[in-house]
Amino acid sequence: MTYIVTEACVKCKYMDCVEVCPVDCFYEGENMLVINPEECIDCGVCEPECPAEAIIPDTAQGSEKWVEINRQYAGEWPNIARKGVTPEDADQWLTVKNKFQEHFSEKAGGNKS
């Protein structure tokens, strides 16, 4: 089992999860984080730290799509080990539906910590 990030992270990107990860397996896009499923050690400490509840185990129903998205972008985006700046409007995006389809950016992020 591994943990993955889902669309709930899009436009929220709180990054509290990054600080607790013992193996630095988070990668940053312009408006979302992903976890490298090959690097994740399945410790689960990141899951309760996410205010958006965007982190789920890869055994959760419907996770297959997210495993592949996490794997793909972990290979393209920069690795981060420290929490960066949370978007000012993150709270406004918490309950928005279809964020991945309508707002996801493939661009790499830049940690502004």
PDB file of N, CA and C in Angstrom:
ATOM      1  N   MET A   1       0.844  -1.190   0.000  1.00  0.00           N
ATOM      2  CA  MET A   1       0.000   0.000   0.000  1.00  0.00           C
ATOM      3  C   MET A   1       0.884   1.246   0.000  1.00  0.00           C
ATOM      4  N   THR A   2       0.366   2.281  -0.603  1.00  0.00           N
ATOM      5  CA  THR A   2       1.015   3.591  -0.613  1.00  0.00           C
ATOM      6  C   THR A   2      -0.074   4.643  -0.461  1.00  0.00           C
ATOM      7  N   TYR A   3       0.315   5.853  -0.229  1.00  0.00           N
ATOM      8  CA  TYR A   3      -0.637   6.957  -0.142  1.00  0.00           C
ATOM      9  C   TYR A   3      -0.510   7.813  -1.384  1.00  0.00           C
ATOM     10  N   ILE A   4      -1.603   8.446  -1.762  1.00  0.00           N
ATOM     11  CA  ILE A   4      -1.639   9.267  -2.965  1.00  0.00           C
ATOM     12  C   ILE A   4      -2.457  10.526  -2.691  1.00  0.00           C
ATOM     13  N   VAL A   5      -2.264  11.522  -3.542  1.00  0.00           N
ATOM     14  CA  VAL A   5      -2.987  12.788  -3.431  1.00  0.00           C
ATOM     15  C   VAL A   5      -4.074  12.806  -4.500  1.00  0.00           C
ATOM     16  N   THR A   6      -5.256  13.279  -4.125  1.00  0.00           N
ATOM     17  CA  THR A   6      -6.392  13.338  -5.038  1.00  0.00           C
ATOM     18  C   THR A   6      -6.726  14.787  -5.402  1.00  0.00           C
ATOM     19  N   GLU A   7      -7.791  14.949  -6.170  1.00  0.00           N
ATOM     20  CA  GLU A   7      -8.159  16.279  -6.662  1.00  0.00           C
ATOM     21  C   GLU A   7      -8.521  17.279  -5.575  1.00  0.00           C
ATOM     22  N   ALA A   8      -8.783  16.822  -4.372  1.00  0.00           N
ATOM     23  CA  ALA A   8      -9.100  17.759  -3.287  1.00  0.00           C
ATOM     24  C   ALA A   8      -7.942  18.718  -3.013  1.00  0.00           C
ATOM     25  N   CYS A   9      -6.743  18.358  -3.446  1.00  0.00           N
ATOM     26  CA  CYS A   9      -5.568  19.211  -3.256  1.00  0.00           C
ATOM     27  C   CYS A   9      -5.505  20.363  -4.265  1.00  0.00           C
ATOM     28  N   VAL A  10      -6.116  20.187  -5.413  1.00  0.00           N
ATOM     29  CA  VAL A  10      -6.042  21.204  -6.465  1.00  0.00           C
ATOM     30  C   VAL A  10      -6.557  22.542  -5.940  1.00  0.00           C
ATOM     31  N   LYS A  11      -5.725  23.558  -6.118  1.00  0.00           N
ATOM     32  CA  LYS A  11      -6.006  24.943  -5.723  1.00  0.00           C
ATOM     33  C   LYS A  11      -6.001  25.167  -4.204  1.00  0.00           C
ATOM     34  N   CYS A  12      -5.829  24.095  -3.415  1.00  0.00           N
ATOM     35  CA  CYS A  12      -5.740  24.246  -1.950  1.00  0.00           C
ATOM     36  C   CYS A  12      -4.266  24.197  -1.543  1.00  0.00           C
ATOM     37  N   LYS A  13      -3.605  23.104  -1.836  1.00  0.00           N
ATOM     38  CA  LYS A  13      -2.161  22.944  -1.653  1.00  0.00           C
ATOM     39  C   LYS A  13      -1.666  23.512  -0.316  1.00  0.00           C
ATOM     40  N   TYR A  14      -2.238  22.993   0.766  1.00  0.00           N
ATOM     41  CA  TYR A  14      -1.863  23.474   2.099  1.00  0.00           C
ATOM     42  C   TYR A  14      -0.426  23.111   2.492  1.00  0.00           C
ATOM     43  N   MET A  15       0.044  21.977   2.090  1.00  0.00           N
ATOM     44  CA  MET A  15       1.417  21.509   2.301  1.00  0.00           C
ATOM     45  C   MET A  15       1.766  21.119   3.733  1.00  0.00           C
ATOM     46  N   ASP A  16       0.787  20.996   4.621  1.00  0.00           N
ATOM     47  CA  ASP A  16       1.078  20.527   5.975  1.00  0.00           C
ATOM     48  C   ASP A  16       1.654  19.114   5.929  1.00  0.00           C
ATOM     49  N   CYS A  17       1.250  18.344   4.949  1.00  0.00           N
ATOM     50  CA  CYS A  17       1.695  16.963   4.778  1.00  0.00           C
ATOM     51  C   CYS A  17       3.200  16.861   4.517  1.00  0.00           C
ATOM     52  N   VAL A  18       3.737  17.827   3.827  1.00  0.00           N
ATOM     53  CA  VAL A  18       5.146  17.804   3.444  1.00  0.00           C
ATOM     54  C   VAL A  18       6.061  17.801   4.664  1.00  0.00           C
ATOM     55  N   GLU A  19       5.709  18.589   5.651  1.00  0.00           N
ATOM     56  CA  GLU A  19       6.545  18.725   6.852  1.00  0.00           C
ATOM     57  C   GLU A  19       6.697  17.426   7.631  1.00  0.00           C
ATOM     58  N   VAL A  20       5.697  16.559   7.600  1.00  0.00           N
ATOM     59  CA  VAL A  20       5.733  15.339   8.413  1.00  0.00           C
ATOM     60  C   VAL A  20       6.259  14.121   7.665  1.00  0.00           C
ATOM     61  N   CYS A  21       6.445  14.208   6.384  1.00  0.00           N
ATOM     62  CA  CYS A  21       6.882  13.054   5.589  1.00  0.00           C
ATOM     63  C   CYS A  21       8.336  12.697   5.907  1.00  0.00           C
ATOM     64  N   PRO A  22       8.575  11.481   6.403  1.00  0.00           N
ATOM     65  CA  PRO A  22       9.938  11.098   6.766  1.00  0.00           C
ATOM     66  C   PRO A  22      10.841  10.762   5.582  1.00  0.00           C
ATOM     67  N   VAL A  23      10.257  10.579   4.394  1.00  0.00           N
ATOM     68  CA  VAL A  23      11.068  10.205   3.234  1.00  0.00           C
ATOM     69  C   VAL A  23      11.015  11.211   2.090  1.00  0.00           C
ATOM     70  N   ASP A  24      10.425  12.365   2.320  1.00  0.00           N
ATOM     71  CA  ASP A  24      10.380  13.434   1.319  1.00  0.00           C
ATOM     72  C   ASP A  24       9.888  12.944  -0.047  1.00  0.00           C
ATOM     73  N   CYS A  25       8.706  12.348  -0.057  1.00  0.00           N
ATOM     74  CA  CYS A  25       8.188  11.794  -1.312  1.00  0.00           C
ATOM     75  C   CYS A  25       7.123  12.675  -1.965  1.00  0.00           C
ATOM     76  N   PHE A  26       7.061  13.958  -1.571  1.00  0.00           N
ATOM     77  CA  PHE A  26       6.099  14.882  -2.175  1.00  0.00           C
ATOM     78  C   PHE A  26       6.750  15.683  -3.303  1.00  0.00           C
ATOM     79  N   TYR A  27       5.955  15.944  -4.323  1.00  0.00           N
ATOM     80  CA  TYR A  27       6.398  16.703  -5.484  1.00  0.00           C
ATOM     81  C   TYR A  27       5.375  17.805  -5.725  1.00  0.00           C
ATOM     82  N   GLU A  28       5.866  18.979  -6.149  1.00  0.00           N
ATOM     83  CA  GLU A  28       5.017  20.153  -6.222  1.00  0.00           C
ATOM     84  C   GLU A  28       4.722  20.616  -7.638  1.00  0.00           C
ATOM     85  N   GLY A  29       3.425  20.687  -7.924  1.00  0.00           N
ATOM     86  CA  GLY A  29       2.962  21.300  -9.151  1.00  0.00           C
ATOM     87  C   GLY A  29       2.523  22.725  -8.862  1.00  0.00           C
ATOM     88  N   GLU A  30       2.147  23.423  -9.888  1.00  0.00           N
ATOM     89  CA  GLU A  30       1.723  24.810  -9.729  1.00  0.00           C
ATOM     90  C   GLU A  30       0.564  24.942  -8.740  1.00  0.00           C
ATOM     91  N   ASN A  31      -0.409  24.011  -8.788  1.00  0.00           N
ATOM     92  CA  ASN A  31      -1.555  24.149  -7.888  1.00  0.00           C
ATOM     93  C   ASN A  31      -1.977  22.839  -7.214  1.00  0.00           C
ATOM     94  N   MET A  32      -1.046  21.888  -7.121  1.00  0.00           N
ATOM     95  CA  MET A  32      -1.342  20.604  -6.490  1.00  0.00           C
ATOM     96  C   MET A  32      -0.036  19.918  -6.104  1.00  0.00           C
ATOM     97  N   LEU A  33      -0.109  19.060  -5.108  1.00  0.00           N
ATOM     98  CA  LEU A  33       1.020  18.204  -4.744  1.00  0.00           C
ATOM     99  C   LEU A  33       0.710  16.782  -5.166  1.00  0.00           C
ATOM    100  N   VAL A  34       1.743  15.976  -5.356  1.00  0.00           N
ATOM    101  CA  VAL A  34       1.578  14.533  -5.569  1.00  0.00           C
ATOM    102  C   VAL A  34       2.602  13.799  -4.712  1.00  0.00           C
ATOM    103  N   ILE A  35       2.341  12.523  -4.509  1.00  0.00           N
ATOM    104  CA  ILE A  35       3.248  11.641  -3.785  1.00  0.00           C
ATOM    105  C   ILE A  35       3.816  10.643  -4.783  1.00  0.00           C
ATOM    106  N   ASN A  36       5.119  10.420  -4.722  1.00  0.00           N
ATOM    107  CA  ASN A  36       5.706   9.386  -5.561  1.00  0.00           C
ATOM    108  C   ASN A  36       5.389   8.040  -4.926  1.00  0.00           C
ATOM    109  N   PRO A  37       4.541   7.213  -5.575  1.00  0.00           N
ATOM    110  CA  PRO A  37       4.145   5.956  -4.972  1.00  0.00           C
ATOM    111  C   PRO A  37       5.306   4.969  -4.800  1.00  0.00           C
ATOM    112  N   GLU A  38       6.380   5.172  -5.537  1.00  0.00           N
ATOM    113  CA  GLU A  38       7.548   4.291  -5.411  1.00  0.00           C
ATOM    114  C   GLU A  38       8.405   4.670  -4.203  1.00  0.00           C
ATOM    115  N   GLU A  39       8.293   5.899  -3.748  1.00  0.00           N
ATOM    116  CA  GLU A  39       9.092   6.373  -2.609  1.00  0.00           C
ATOM    117  C   GLU A  39       8.335   6.333  -1.282  1.00  0.00           C
ATOM    118  N   CYS A  40       7.017   6.373  -1.344  1.00  0.00           N
ATOM    119  CA  CYS A  40       6.194   6.372  -0.135  1.00  0.00           C
ATOM    120  C   CYS A  40       6.421   5.070   0.641  1.00  0.00           C
ATOM    121  N   ILE A  41       6.613   5.209   1.953  1.00  0.00           N
ATOM    122  CA  ILE A  41       6.847   4.017   2.787  1.00  0.00           C
ATOM    123  C   ILE A  41       5.590   3.594   3.543  1.00  0.00           C
ATOM    124  N   ASP A  42       4.464   4.133   3.168  1.00  0.00           N
ATOM    125  CA  ASP A  42       3.173   3.722   3.716  1.00  0.00           C
ATOM    126  C   ASP A  42       3.025   3.980   5.210  1.00  0.00           C
ATOM    127  N   CYS A  43       3.684   5.005   5.711  1.00  0.00           N
ATOM    128  CA  CYS A  43       3.608   5.277   7.152  1.00  0.00           C
ATOM    129  C   CYS A  43       2.285   5.939   7.532  1.00  0.00           C
ATOM    130  N   GLY A  44       1.693   6.697   6.609  1.00  0.00           N
ATOM    131  CA  GLY A  44       0.397   7.303   6.844  1.00  0.00           C
ATOM    132  C   GLY A  44       0.387   8.580   7.654  1.00  0.00           C
ATOM    133  N   VAL A  45       1.547   9.107   8.025  1.00  0.00           N
ATOM    134  CA  VAL A  45       1.542  10.321   8.859  1.00  0.00           C
ATOM    135  C   VAL A  45       1.039  11.550   8.101  1.00  0.00           C
ATOM    136  N   CYS A  46       1.100  11.534   6.800  1.00  0.00           N
ATOM    137  CA  CYS A  46       0.644  12.673   6.008  1.00  0.00           C
ATOM    138  C   CYS A  46      -0.872  12.780   5.945  1.00  0.00           C
ATOM    139  N   GLU A  47      -1.547  11.663   5.945  1.00  0.00           N
ATOM    140  CA  GLU A  47      -3.000  11.647   5.740  1.00  0.00           C
ATOM    141  C   GLU A  47      -3.766  12.528   6.731  1.00  0.00           C
ATOM    142  N   PRO A  48      -3.554  12.408   8.038  1.00  0.00           N
ATOM    143  CA  PRO A  48      -4.320  13.252   8.958  1.00  0.00           C
ATOM    144  C   PRO A  48      -3.887  14.718   8.979  1.00  0.00           C
ATOM    145  N   GLU A  49      -2.752  15.030   8.376  1.00  0.00           N
ATOM    146  CA  GLU A  49      -2.260  16.412   8.358  1.00  0.00           C
ATOM    147  C   GLU A  49      -2.903  17.263   7.273  1.00  0.00           C
ATOM    148  N   CYS A  50      -3.588  16.635   6.330  1.00  0.00           N
ATOM    149  CA  CYS A  50      -4.148  17.350   5.183  1.00  0.00           C
ATOM    150  C   CYS A  50      -5.511  17.950   5.512  1.00  0.00           C
ATOM    151  N   PRO A  51      -5.608  19.290   5.594  1.00  0.00           N
ATOM    152  CA  PRO A  51      -6.896  19.937   5.880  1.00  0.00           C
ATOM    153  C   PRO A  51      -7.953  19.673   4.801  1.00  0.00           C
ATOM    154  N   ALA A  52      -7.514  19.409   3.577  1.00  0.00           N
ATOM    155  CA  ALA A  52      -8.442  19.175   2.470  1.00  0.00           C
ATOM    156  C   ALA A  52      -8.856  17.706   2.365  1.00  0.00           C
ATOM    157  N   GLU A  53      -8.264  16.857   3.206  1.00  0.00           N
ATOM    158  CA  GLU A  53      -8.503  15.406   3.154  1.00  0.00           C
ATOM    159  C   GLU A  53      -8.254  14.859   1.753  1.00  0.00           C
ATOM    160  N   ALA A  54      -7.179  15.331   1.152  1.00  0.00           N
ATOM    161  CA  ALA A  54      -6.837  14.956  -0.217  1.00  0.00           C
ATOM    162  C   ALA A  54      -5.964  13.713  -0.310  1.00  0.00           C
ATOM    163  N   ILE A  55      -5.455  13.232   0.810  1.00  0.00           N
ATOM    164  CA  ILE A  55      -4.548  12.092   0.789  1.00  0.00           C
ATOM    165  C   ILE A  55      -5.302  10.835   1.199  1.00  0.00           C
ATOM    166  N   ILE A  56      -5.200   9.805   0.332  1.00  0.00           N
ATOM    167  CA  ILE A  56      -5.885   8.550   0.596  1.00  0.00           C
ATOM    168  C   ILE A  56      -4.933   7.383   0.336  1.00  0.00           C
ATOM    169  N   PRO A  57      -5.233   6.215   0.898  1.00  0.00           N
ATOM    170  CA  PRO A  57      -4.438   5.033   0.570  1.00  0.00           C
ATOM    171  C   PRO A  57      -4.765   4.557  -0.846  1.00  0.00           C
ATOM    172  N   ASP A  58      -3.809   3.931  -1.499  1.00  0.00           N
ATOM    173  CA  ASP A  58      -4.060   3.460  -2.862  1.00  0.00           C
ATOM    174  C   ASP A  58      -5.018   2.277  -2.912  1.00  0.00           C
ATOM    175  N   THR A  59      -5.433   1.793  -1.763  1.00  0.00           N
ATOM    176  CA  THR A  59      -6.410   0.711  -1.706  1.00  0.00           C
ATOM    177  C   THR A  59      -7.841   1.232  -1.648  1.00  0.00           C
ATOM    178  N   ALA A  60      -8.012   2.531  -1.532  1.00  0.00           N
ATOM    179  CA  ALA A  60      -9.350   3.127  -1.476  1.00  0.00           C
ATOM    180  C   ALA A  60     -10.046   2.977  -2.828  1.00  0.00           C
ATOM    181  N   GLN A  61     -11.347   2.833  -2.781  1.00  0.00           N
ATOM    182  CA  GLN A  61     -12.130   2.700  -4.003  1.00  0.00           C
ATOM    183  C   GLN A  61     -11.922   3.908  -4.913  1.00  0.00           C
ATOM    184  N   GLY A  62     -11.670   3.666  -6.178  1.00  0.00           N
ATOM    185  CA  GLY A  62     -11.487   4.734  -7.148  1.00  0.00           C
ATOM    186  C   GLY A  62     -10.104   5.370  -7.157  1.00  0.00           C
ATOM    187  N   SER A  63      -9.152   4.768  -6.465  1.00  0.00           N
ATOM    188  CA  SER A  63      -7.824   5.374  -6.352  1.00  0.00           C
ATOM    189  C   SER A  63      -6.916   5.123  -7.555  1.00  0.00           C
ATOM    190  N   GLU A  64      -7.262   4.186  -8.414  1.00  0.00           N
ATOM    191  CA  GLU A  64      -6.376   3.787  -9.513  1.00  0.00           C
ATOM    192  C   GLU A  64      -5.955   4.977 -10.377  1.00  0.00           C
ATOM    193  N   LYS A  65      -6.905   5.813 -10.732  1.00  0.00           N
ATOM    194  CA  LYS A  65      -6.617   7.003 -11.545  1.00  0.00           C
ATOM    195  C   LYS A  65      -5.591   7.889 -10.844  1.00  0.00           C
ATOM    196  N   TRP A  66      -5.754   8.061  -9.530  1.00  0.00           N
ATOM    197  CA  TRP A  66      -4.880   8.948  -8.769  1.00  0.00           C
ATOM    198  C   TRP A  66      -3.489   8.372  -8.583  1.00  0.00           C
ATOM    199  N   VAL A  67      -3.373   7.065  -8.511  1.00  0.00           N
ATOM    200  CA  VAL A  67      -2.051   6.432  -8.432  1.00  0.00           C
ATOM    201  C   VAL A  67      -1.258   6.802  -9.680  1.00  0.00           C
ATOM    202  N   GLU A  68      -1.877   6.693 -10.840  1.00  0.00           N
ATOM    203  CA  GLU A  68      -1.191   7.004 -12.094  1.00  0.00           C
ATOM    204  C   GLU A  68      -0.867   8.483 -12.215  1.00  0.00           C
ATOM    205  N   ILE A  69      -1.777   9.344 -11.793  1.00  0.00           N
ATOM    206  CA  ILE A  69      -1.520  10.789 -11.835  1.00  0.00           C
ATOM    207  C   ILE A  69      -0.358  11.140 -10.906  1.00  0.00           C
ATOM    208  N   ASN A  70      -0.353  10.584  -9.700  1.00  0.00           N
ATOM    209  CA  ASN A  70       0.740  10.829  -8.760  1.00  0.00           C
ATOM    210  C   ASN A  70       2.057  10.335  -9.330  1.00  0.00           C
ATOM    211  N   ARG A  71       2.058   9.145  -9.896  1.00  0.00           N
ATOM    212  CA  ARG A  71       3.279   8.577 -10.477  1.00  0.00           C
ATOM    213  C   ARG A  71       3.801   9.456 -11.617  1.00  0.00           C
ATOM    214  N   GLN A  72       2.911   9.853 -12.507  1.00  0.00           N
ATOM    215  CA  GLN A  72       3.314  10.668 -13.662  1.00  0.00           C
ATOM    216  C   GLN A  72       3.946  11.987 -13.237  1.00  0.00           C
ATOM    217  N   TYR A  73       3.249  12.737 -12.386  1.00  0.00           N
ATOM    218  CA  TYR A  73       3.734  14.074 -12.058  1.00  0.00           C
ATOM    219  C   TYR A  73       4.882  14.066 -11.052  1.00  0.00           C
ATOM    220  N   ALA A  74       5.022  12.995 -10.284  1.00  0.00           N
ATOM    221  CA  ALA A  74       6.196  12.875  -9.407  1.00  0.00           C
ATOM    222  C   ALA A  74       7.462  12.757 -10.252  1.00  0.00           C
ATOM    223  N   GLY A  75       7.305  12.269 -11.464  1.00  0.00           N
ATOM    224  CA  GLY A  75       8.439  12.171 -12.382  1.00  0.00           C
ATOM    225  C   GLY A  75       8.728  13.460 -13.131  1.00  0.00           C
ATOM    226  N   GLU A  76       7.829  14.426 -13.051  1.00  0.00           N
ATOM    227  CA  GLU A  76       7.980  15.673 -13.804  1.00  0.00           C
ATOM    228  C   GLU A  76       8.184  16.903 -12.925  1.00  0.00           C
ATOM    229  N   TRP A  77       7.639  16.893 -11.727  1.00  0.00           N
ATOM    230  CA  TRP A  77       7.680  18.061 -10.848  1.00  0.00           C
ATOM    231  C   TRP A  77       8.822  17.980  -9.850  1.00  0.00           C
ATOM    232  N   PRO A  78       9.228  19.117  -9.274  1.00  0.00           N
ATOM    233  CA  PRO A  78      10.326  19.117  -8.301  1.00  0.00           C
ATOM    234  C   PRO A  78       9.910  18.520  -6.950  1.00  0.00           C
ATOM    235  N   ASN A  79      10.847  17.818  -6.351  1.00  0.00           N
ATOM    236  CA  ASN A  79      10.656  17.257  -5.017  1.00  0.00           C
ATOM    237  C   ASN A  79      10.710  18.380  -3.989  1.00  0.00           C
ATOM    238  N   ILE A  80       9.859  18.300  -2.967  1.00  0.00           N
ATOM    239  CA  ILE A  80       9.896  19.293  -1.895  1.00  0.00           C
ATOM    240  C   ILE A  80       9.969  18.582  -0.547  1.00  0.00           C
ATOM    241  N   ALA A  81      10.640  19.215   0.388  1.00  0.00           N
ATOM    242  CA  ALA A  81      10.805  18.636   1.718  1.00  0.00           C
ATOM    243  C   ALA A  81      10.326  19.581   2.814  1.00  0.00           C
ATOM    244  N   ARG A  82       9.988  20.797   2.431  1.00  0.00           N
ATOM    245  CA  ARG A  82       9.502  21.779   3.408  1.00  0.00           C
ATOM    246  C   ARG A  82       8.212  22.416   2.918  1.00  0.00           C
ATOM    247  N   LYS A  83       7.393  22.790   3.874  1.00  0.00           N
ATOM    248  CA  LYS A  83       6.138  23.444   3.558  1.00  0.00           C
ATOM    249  C   LYS A  83       6.400  24.791   2.910  1.00  0.00           C
ATOM    250  N   GLY A  84       5.698  25.038   1.831  1.00  0.00           N
ATOM    251  CA  GLY A  84       5.800  26.320   1.164  1.00  0.00           C
ATOM    252  C   GLY A  84       4.627  27.199   1.558  1.00  0.00           C
ATOM    253  N   VAL A  85       4.351  28.190   0.758  1.00  0.00           N
ATOM    254  CA  VAL A  85       3.280  29.141   1.025  1.00  0.00           C
ATOM    255  C   VAL A  85       1.952  28.577   0.507  1.00  0.00           C
ATOM    256  N   THR A  86       0.979  28.519   1.388  1.00  0.00           N
ATOM    257  CA  THR A  86      -0.365  28.073   1.013  1.00  0.00           C
ATOM    258  C   THR A  86      -1.046  29.189   0.226  1.00  0.00           C
ATOM    259  N   PRO A  87      -1.739  28.856  -0.858  1.00  0.00           N
ATOM    260  CA  PRO A  87      -2.448  29.899  -1.604  1.00  0.00           C
ATOM    261  C   PRO A  87      -3.417  30.665  -0.696  1.00  0.00           C
ATOM    262  N   GLU A  88      -3.490  31.957  -0.877  1.00  0.00           N
ATOM    263  CA  GLU A  88      -4.351  32.803  -0.035  1.00  0.00           C
ATOM    264  C   GLU A  88      -5.822  32.406  -0.109  1.00  0.00           C
ATOM    265  N   ASP A  89      -6.252  31.902  -1.254  1.00  0.00           N
ATOM    266  CA  ASP A  89      -7.665  31.544  -1.420  1.00  0.00           C
ATOM    267  C   ASP A  89      -7.929  30.044  -1.243  1.00  0.00           C
ATOM    268  N   ALA A  90      -7.017  29.328  -0.620  1.00  0.00           N
ATOM    269  CA  ALA A  90      -7.138  27.876  -0.467  1.00  0.00           C
ATOM    270  C   ALA A  90      -8.452  27.468   0.195  1.00  0.00           C
ATOM    271  N   ASP A  91      -8.839  28.138   1.257  1.00  0.00           N
ATOM    272  CA  ASP A  91     -10.066  27.770   1.968  1.00  0.00           C
ATOM    273  C   ASP A  91     -11.308  27.880   1.078  1.00  0.00           C
ATOM    274  N   GLN A  92     -11.281  28.804   0.143  1.00  0.00           N
ATOM    275  CA  GLN A  92     -12.423  28.988  -0.758  1.00  0.00           C
ATOM    276  C   GLN A  92     -12.586  27.814  -1.723  1.00  0.00           C
ATOM    277  N   TRP A  93     -11.522  27.047  -1.940  1.00  0.00           N
ATOM    278  CA  TRP A  93     -11.538  25.930  -2.882  1.00  0.00           C
ATOM    279  C   TRP A  93     -11.841  24.581  -2.233  1.00  0.00           C
ATOM    280  N   LEU A  94     -11.924  24.541  -0.915  1.00  0.00           N
ATOM    281  CA  LEU A  94     -12.097  23.268  -0.203  1.00  0.00           C
ATOM    282  C   LEU A  94     -13.285  22.440  -0.666  1.00  0.00           C
ATOM    283  N   THR A  95     -14.399  23.044  -0.921  1.00  0.00           N
ATOM    284  CA  THR A  95     -15.612  22.291  -1.255  1.00  0.00           C
ATOM    285  C   THR A  95     -15.966  22.321  -2.741  1.00  0.00           C
ATOM    286  N   VAL A  96     -15.125  22.893  -3.558  1.00  0.00           N
ATOM    287  CA  VAL A  96     -15.395  22.964  -4.996  1.00  0.00           C
ATOM    288  C   VAL A  96     -15.235  21.565  -5.606  1.00  0.00           C
ATOM    289  N   LYS A  97     -16.166  21.170  -6.437  1.00  0.00           N
ATOM    290  CA  LYS A  97     -16.142  19.870  -7.110  1.00  0.00           C
ATOM    291  C   LYS A  97     -15.465  19.985  -8.478  1.00  0.00           C
ATOM    292  N   ASN A  98     -15.030  18.868  -9.014  1.00  0.00           N
ATOM    293  CA  ASN A  98     -14.423  18.772 -10.348  1.00  0.00           C
ATOM    294  C   ASN A  98     -13.211  19.687 -10.518  1.00  0.00           C
ATOM    295  N   LYS A  99     -12.457  19.850  -9.458  1.00  0.00           N
ATOM    296  CA  LYS A  99     -11.303  20.753  -9.529  1.00  0.00           C
ATOM    297  C   LYS A  99     -10.234  20.236 -10.482  1.00  0.00           C
ATOM    298  N   PHE A 100     -10.003  18.941 -10.502  1.00  0.00           N
ATOM    299  CA  PHE A 100      -8.957  18.416 -11.379  1.00  0.00           C
ATOM    300  C   PHE A 100      -9.303  18.685 -12.837  1.00  0.00           C
ATOM    301  N   GLN A 101     -10.498  18.343 -13.216  1.00  0.00           N
ATOM    302  CA  GLN A 101     -10.933  18.512 -14.606  1.00  0.00           C
ATOM    303  C   GLN A 101     -10.937  19.979 -15.043  1.00  0.00           C
ATOM    304  N   GLU A 102     -11.330  20.862 -14.141  1.00  0.00           N
ATOM    305  CA  GLU A 102     -11.521  22.256 -14.528  1.00  0.00           C
ATOM    306  C   GLU A 102     -10.379  23.204 -14.167  1.00  0.00           C
ATOM    307  N   HIS A 103      -9.518  22.824 -13.185  1.00  0.00           N
ATOM    308  CA  HIS A 103      -8.524  23.787 -12.709  1.00  0.00           C
ATOM    309  C   HIS A 103      -7.091  23.253 -12.588  1.00  0.00           C
ATOM    310  N   PHE A 104      -6.884  21.977 -12.821  1.00  0.00           N
ATOM    311  CA  PHE A 104      -5.554  21.390 -12.673  1.00  0.00           C
ATOM    312  C   PHE A 104      -4.553  22.000 -13.652  1.00  0.00           C
ATOM    313  N   SER A 105      -3.349  22.244 -13.153  1.00  0.00           N
ATOM    314  CA  SER A 105      -2.265  22.746 -14.002  1.00  0.00           C
ATOM    315  C   SER A 105      -1.151  21.698 -14.050  1.00  0.00           C
ATOM    316  N   GLU A 106      -0.672  21.395 -15.242  1.00  0.00           N
ATOM    317  CA  GLU A 106       0.434  20.451 -15.414  1.00  0.00           C
ATOM    318  C   GLU A 106       1.793  21.092 -15.127  1.00  0.00           C
ATOM    319  N   LYS A 107       1.801  22.403 -14.944  1.00  0.00           N
ATOM    320  CA  LYS A 107       3.060  23.119 -14.721  1.00  0.00           C
ATOM    321  C   LYS A 107       3.676  22.733 -13.378  1.00  0.00           C
ATOM    322  N   ALA A 108       4.992  22.726 -13.360  1.00  0.00           N
ATOM    323  CA  ALA A 108       5.721  22.463 -12.122  1.00  0.00           C
ATOM    324  C   ALA A 108       5.564  23.649 -11.174  1.00  0.00           C
ATOM    325  N   GLY A 109       5.605  23.358  -9.905  1.00  0.00           N
ATOM    326  CA  GLY A 109       5.504  24.401  -8.907  1.00  0.00           C
ATOM    327  C   GLY A 109       6.872  24.904  -8.511  1.00  0.00           C
ATOM    328  N   GLY A 110       6.849  25.932  -7.735  1.00  0.00           N
ATOM    329  CA  GLY A 110       8.088  26.495  -7.199  1.00  0.00           C
ATOM    330  C   GLY A 110       7.878  26.777  -5.746  1.00  0.00           C
ATOM    331  N   ASN A 111       8.536  26.036  -4.890  1.00  0.00           N
ATOM    332  CA  ASN A 111       8.380  26.204  -3.455  1.00  0.00           C
ATOM    333  C   ASN A 111       8.843  27.603  -3.069  1.00  0.00           C
ATOM    334  N   LYS A 112       7.937  28.362  -2.476  1.00  0.00           N
ATOM    335  CA  LYS A 112       8.216  29.751  -2.120  1.00  0.00           C
ATOM    336  C   LYS A 112       8.356  29.903  -0.618  1.00  0.00           C
ATOM    337  N   SER A 113       8.993  28.942   0.018  1.00  0.00           N
ATOM    338  CA  SER A 113       9.130  29.005   1.484  1.00  0.00           C
ATOM    339  C   SER A 113      10.253  29.920   1.893  1.00  0.00           C
TER     340      SER A 113
END
